[in-house]
Amino acid sequence: MILSLNGFDAEACYDGITALRLARQSPPDLCFIDLNMPGMDGDELAIRLRELAPRRLMTLVAVTAMSREGDVRRLARAGFTIHLIKPADPTMLVSIAKGMHG
């Protein structure tokens, strides 16, 4: 909703399966991904999004409470570009999106 209110074409998905299905129809440029989702966790979704469009420039942002060093390395291996700690600042979300399309 925050991104839509700021003029971005944004869609919300509440589980990884739905997000992957939507990405197959229209590959995204930017995804904010919660790591704890039903059906498929954020790590698996990130890996599958990268496999779906390996040559596409896609920014994947992990939004999580996990912040230990091992978590950060794990997220990088899964293909995340940016790691935000919950609660994510709404201005930071908009700033990241603007940076993609700015």
C-alpha atoms as a PDB file:
ATOM      1  CA  MET A   1       0.000   0.000   0.000  1.00  0.00           C
ATOM      2  CA  ILE A   2       2.848   2.404   0.843  1.00  0.00           C
ATOM      3  CA  LEU A   3       4.430   1.891  -2.566  1.00  0.00           C
ATOM      4  CA  SER A   4       1.101   2.241  -4.413  1.00  0.00           C
ATOM      5  CA  LEU A   5       0.386   5.489  -2.567  1.00  0.00           C
ATOM      6  CA  ASN A   6       3.746   6.760  -3.810  1.00  0.00           C
ATOM      7  CA  GLY A   7       2.956   6.053  -7.453  1.00  0.00           C
ATOM      8  CA  PHE A   8       4.490   2.605  -7.881  1.00  0.00           C
ATOM      9  CA  ASP A   9       2.796  -0.346  -9.553  1.00  0.00           C
ATOM     10  CA  ALA A  10       2.827  -2.715  -6.592  1.00  0.00           C
ATOM     11  CA  GLU A  11       1.067  -5.966  -5.734  1.00  0.00           C
ATOM     12  CA  ALA A  12       0.895  -7.692  -2.372  1.00  0.00           C
ATOM     13  CA  CYS A  13       1.197 -11.447  -2.016  1.00  0.00           C
ATOM     14  CA  TYR A  14       0.741 -13.134   1.321  1.00  0.00           C
ATOM     15  CA  ASP A  15       2.531 -16.392   0.558  1.00  0.00           C
ATOM     16  CA  GLY A  16       5.443 -17.547  -1.568  1.00  0.00           C
ATOM     17  CA  ILE A  17       3.394 -19.716  -3.928  1.00  0.00           C
ATOM     18  CA  THR A  18       1.215 -16.765  -4.970  1.00  0.00           C
ATOM     19  CA  ALA A  19       4.253 -14.508  -5.340  1.00  0.00           C
ATOM     20  CA  LEU A  20       5.992 -17.025  -7.594  1.00  0.00           C
ATOM     21  CA  ARG A  21       2.873 -17.497  -9.722  1.00  0.00           C
ATOM     22  CA  LEU A  22       2.537 -13.727 -10.170  1.00  0.00           C
ATOM     23  CA  ALA A  23       6.251 -13.412 -10.992  1.00  0.00           C
ATOM     24  CA  ARG A  24       5.890 -16.019 -13.745  1.00  0.00           C
ATOM     25  CA  GLN A  25       3.180 -13.873 -15.352  1.00  0.00           C
ATOM     26  CA  SER A  26       5.039 -10.591 -14.942  1.00  0.00           C
ATOM     27  CA  PRO A  27       8.622 -10.763 -13.616  1.00  0.00           C
ATOM     28  CA  PRO A  28       9.185  -8.008 -11.039  1.00  0.00           C
ATOM     29  CA  ASP A  29      12.026  -5.521 -10.839  1.00  0.00           C
ATOM     30  CA  LEU A  30      11.839  -5.297  -7.053  1.00  0.00           C
ATOM     31  CA  CYS A  31      10.466  -7.584  -4.327  1.00  0.00           C
ATOM     32  CA  PHE A  32      10.177  -6.973  -0.597  1.00  0.00           C
ATOM     33  CA  ILE A  33      10.067 -10.463   0.896  1.00  0.00           C
ATOM     34  CA  ASP A  34       9.198 -11.463   4.441  1.00  0.00           C
ATOM     35  CA  LEU A  35      11.167 -14.571   5.341  1.00  0.00           C
ATOM     36  CA  ASN A  36       8.403 -16.190   7.393  1.00  0.00           C
ATOM     37  CA  MET A  37       5.545 -16.891   4.999  1.00  0.00           C
ATOM     38  CA  PRO A  38       3.166 -19.826   4.806  1.00  0.00           C
ATOM     39  CA  GLY A  39       3.875 -22.541   2.256  1.00  0.00           C
ATOM     40  CA  MET A  40       7.300 -21.367   1.112  1.00  0.00           C
ATOM     41  CA  ASP A  41       9.779 -19.362   3.158  1.00  0.00           C
ATOM     42  CA  GLY A  42      11.432 -16.215   1.845  1.00  0.00           C
ATOM     43  CA  ASP A  43      14.776 -17.922   1.221  1.00  0.00           C
ATOM     44  CA  GLU A  44      13.183 -20.480  -1.096  1.00  0.00           C
ATOM     45  CA  LEU A  45      11.138 -17.792  -2.841  1.00  0.00           C
ATOM     46  CA  ALA A  46      14.279 -15.731  -3.496  1.00  0.00           C
ATOM     47  CA  ILE A  47      16.098 -18.736  -4.949  1.00  0.00           C
ATOM     48  CA  ARG A  48      13.136 -19.642  -7.163  1.00  0.00           C
ATOM     49  CA  LEU A  49      12.690 -16.049  -8.367  1.00  0.00           C
ATOM     50  CA  ARG A  50      16.369 -15.975  -9.372  1.00  0.00           C
ATOM     51  CA  GLU A  51      15.936 -19.314 -11.207  1.00  0.00           C
ATOM     52  CA  LEU A  52      12.807 -18.030 -12.940  1.00  0.00           C
ATOM     53  CA  ALA A  53      14.626 -15.127 -14.560  1.00  0.00           C
ATOM     54  CA  PRO A  54      18.393 -15.662 -14.152  1.00  0.00           C
ATOM     55  CA  ARG A  55      19.379 -12.870 -16.539  1.00  0.00           C
ATOM     56  CA  ARG A  56      16.835 -10.343 -15.281  1.00  0.00           C
ATOM     57  CA  LEU A  57      18.063  -7.552 -13.050  1.00  0.00           C
ATOM     58  CA  MET A  58      15.858  -8.025 -10.003  1.00  0.00           C
ATOM     59  CA  THR A  59      16.337  -6.489  -6.560  1.00  0.00           C
ATOM     60  CA  LEU A  60      15.241  -8.772  -3.736  1.00  0.00           C
ATOM     61  CA  VAL A  61      14.886  -7.175  -0.314  1.00  0.00           C
ATOM     62  CA  ALA A  62      14.665  -9.395   2.776  1.00  0.00           C
ATOM     63  CA  VAL A  63      12.404  -7.939   5.456  1.00  0.00           C
ATOM     64  CA  THR A  64      13.025  -9.844   8.669  1.00  0.00           C
ATOM     65  CA  ALA A  65      13.782  -9.684  12.367  1.00  0.00           C
ATOM     66  CA  MET A  66      16.873 -11.858  11.772  1.00  0.00           C
ATOM     67  CA  SER A  67      20.073  -9.867  12.001  1.00  0.00           C
ATOM     68  CA  ARG A  68      22.863 -12.139  13.172  1.00  0.00           C
ATOM     69  CA  GLU A  69      25.943 -12.431  10.963  1.00  0.00           C
ATOM     70  CA  GLY A  70      25.003 -15.961   9.898  1.00  0.00           C
ATOM     71  CA  ASP A  71      21.556 -14.753   8.849  1.00  0.00           C
ATOM     72  CA  VAL A  72      23.073 -12.034   6.691  1.00  0.00           C
ATOM     73  CA  ARG A  73      25.342 -14.549   4.910  1.00  0.00           C
ATOM     74  CA  ARG A  74      22.428 -16.951   4.406  1.00  0.00           C
ATOM     75  CA  LEU A  75      20.295 -14.214   2.860  1.00  0.00           C
ATOM     76  CA  ALA A  76      23.079 -13.236   0.478  1.00  0.00           C
ATOM     77  CA  ARG A  77      23.430 -16.880  -0.636  1.00  0.00           C
ATOM     78  CA  ALA A  78      19.681 -17.030  -1.281  1.00  0.00           C
ATOM     79  CA  GLY A  79      20.005 -14.062  -3.653  1.00  0.00           C
ATOM     80  CA  PHE A  80      18.832 -11.128  -1.571  1.00  0.00           C
ATOM     81  CA  THR A  81      20.317  -7.776  -2.527  1.00  0.00           C
ATOM     82  CA  ILE A  82      19.242  -5.785   0.545  1.00  0.00           C
ATOM     83  CA  HIS A  83      18.485  -6.817   4.131  1.00  0.00           C
ATOM     84  CA  LEU A  84      16.026  -4.716   6.170  1.00  0.00           C
ATOM     85  CA  ILE A  85      15.302  -5.333   9.837  1.00  0.00           C
ATOM     86  CA  LYS A  86      11.667  -5.311  10.993  1.00  0.00           C
ATOM     87  CA  PRO A  87       9.904  -3.095  11.472  1.00  0.00           C
ATOM     88  CA  ALA A  88      11.030  -1.614   8.173  1.00  0.00           C
ATOM     89  CA  ASP A  89      10.848   2.152   7.925  1.00  0.00           C
ATOM     90  CA  PRO A  90       8.243   3.060   5.266  1.00  0.00           C
ATOM     91  CA  THR A  91      10.431   5.893   3.990  1.00  0.00           C
ATOM     92  CA  MET A  92      13.227   3.369   3.438  1.00  0.00           C
ATOM     93  CA  LEU A  93      10.893   1.162   1.351  1.00  0.00           C
ATOM     94  CA  VAL A  94       9.948   4.133  -0.826  1.00  0.00           C
ATOM     95  CA  SER A  95      13.576   5.239  -1.066  1.00  0.00           C
ATOM     96  CA  ILE A  96      14.654   1.793  -2.285  1.00  0.00           C
ATOM     97  CA  ALA A  97      11.840   1.763  -4.866  1.00  0.00           C
ATOM     98  CA  LYS A  98      12.753   5.279  -6.057  1.00  0.00           C
ATOM     99  CA  GLY A  99      16.378   4.207  -6.353  1.00  0.00           C
ATOM    100  CA  MET A 100      15.248   1.470  -8.723  1.00  0.00           C
ATOM    101  CA  HIS A 101      13.233   3.834 -10.899  1.00  0.00           C
ATOM    102  CA  GLY A 102      14.834   7.145 -10.121  1.00  0.00           C
END
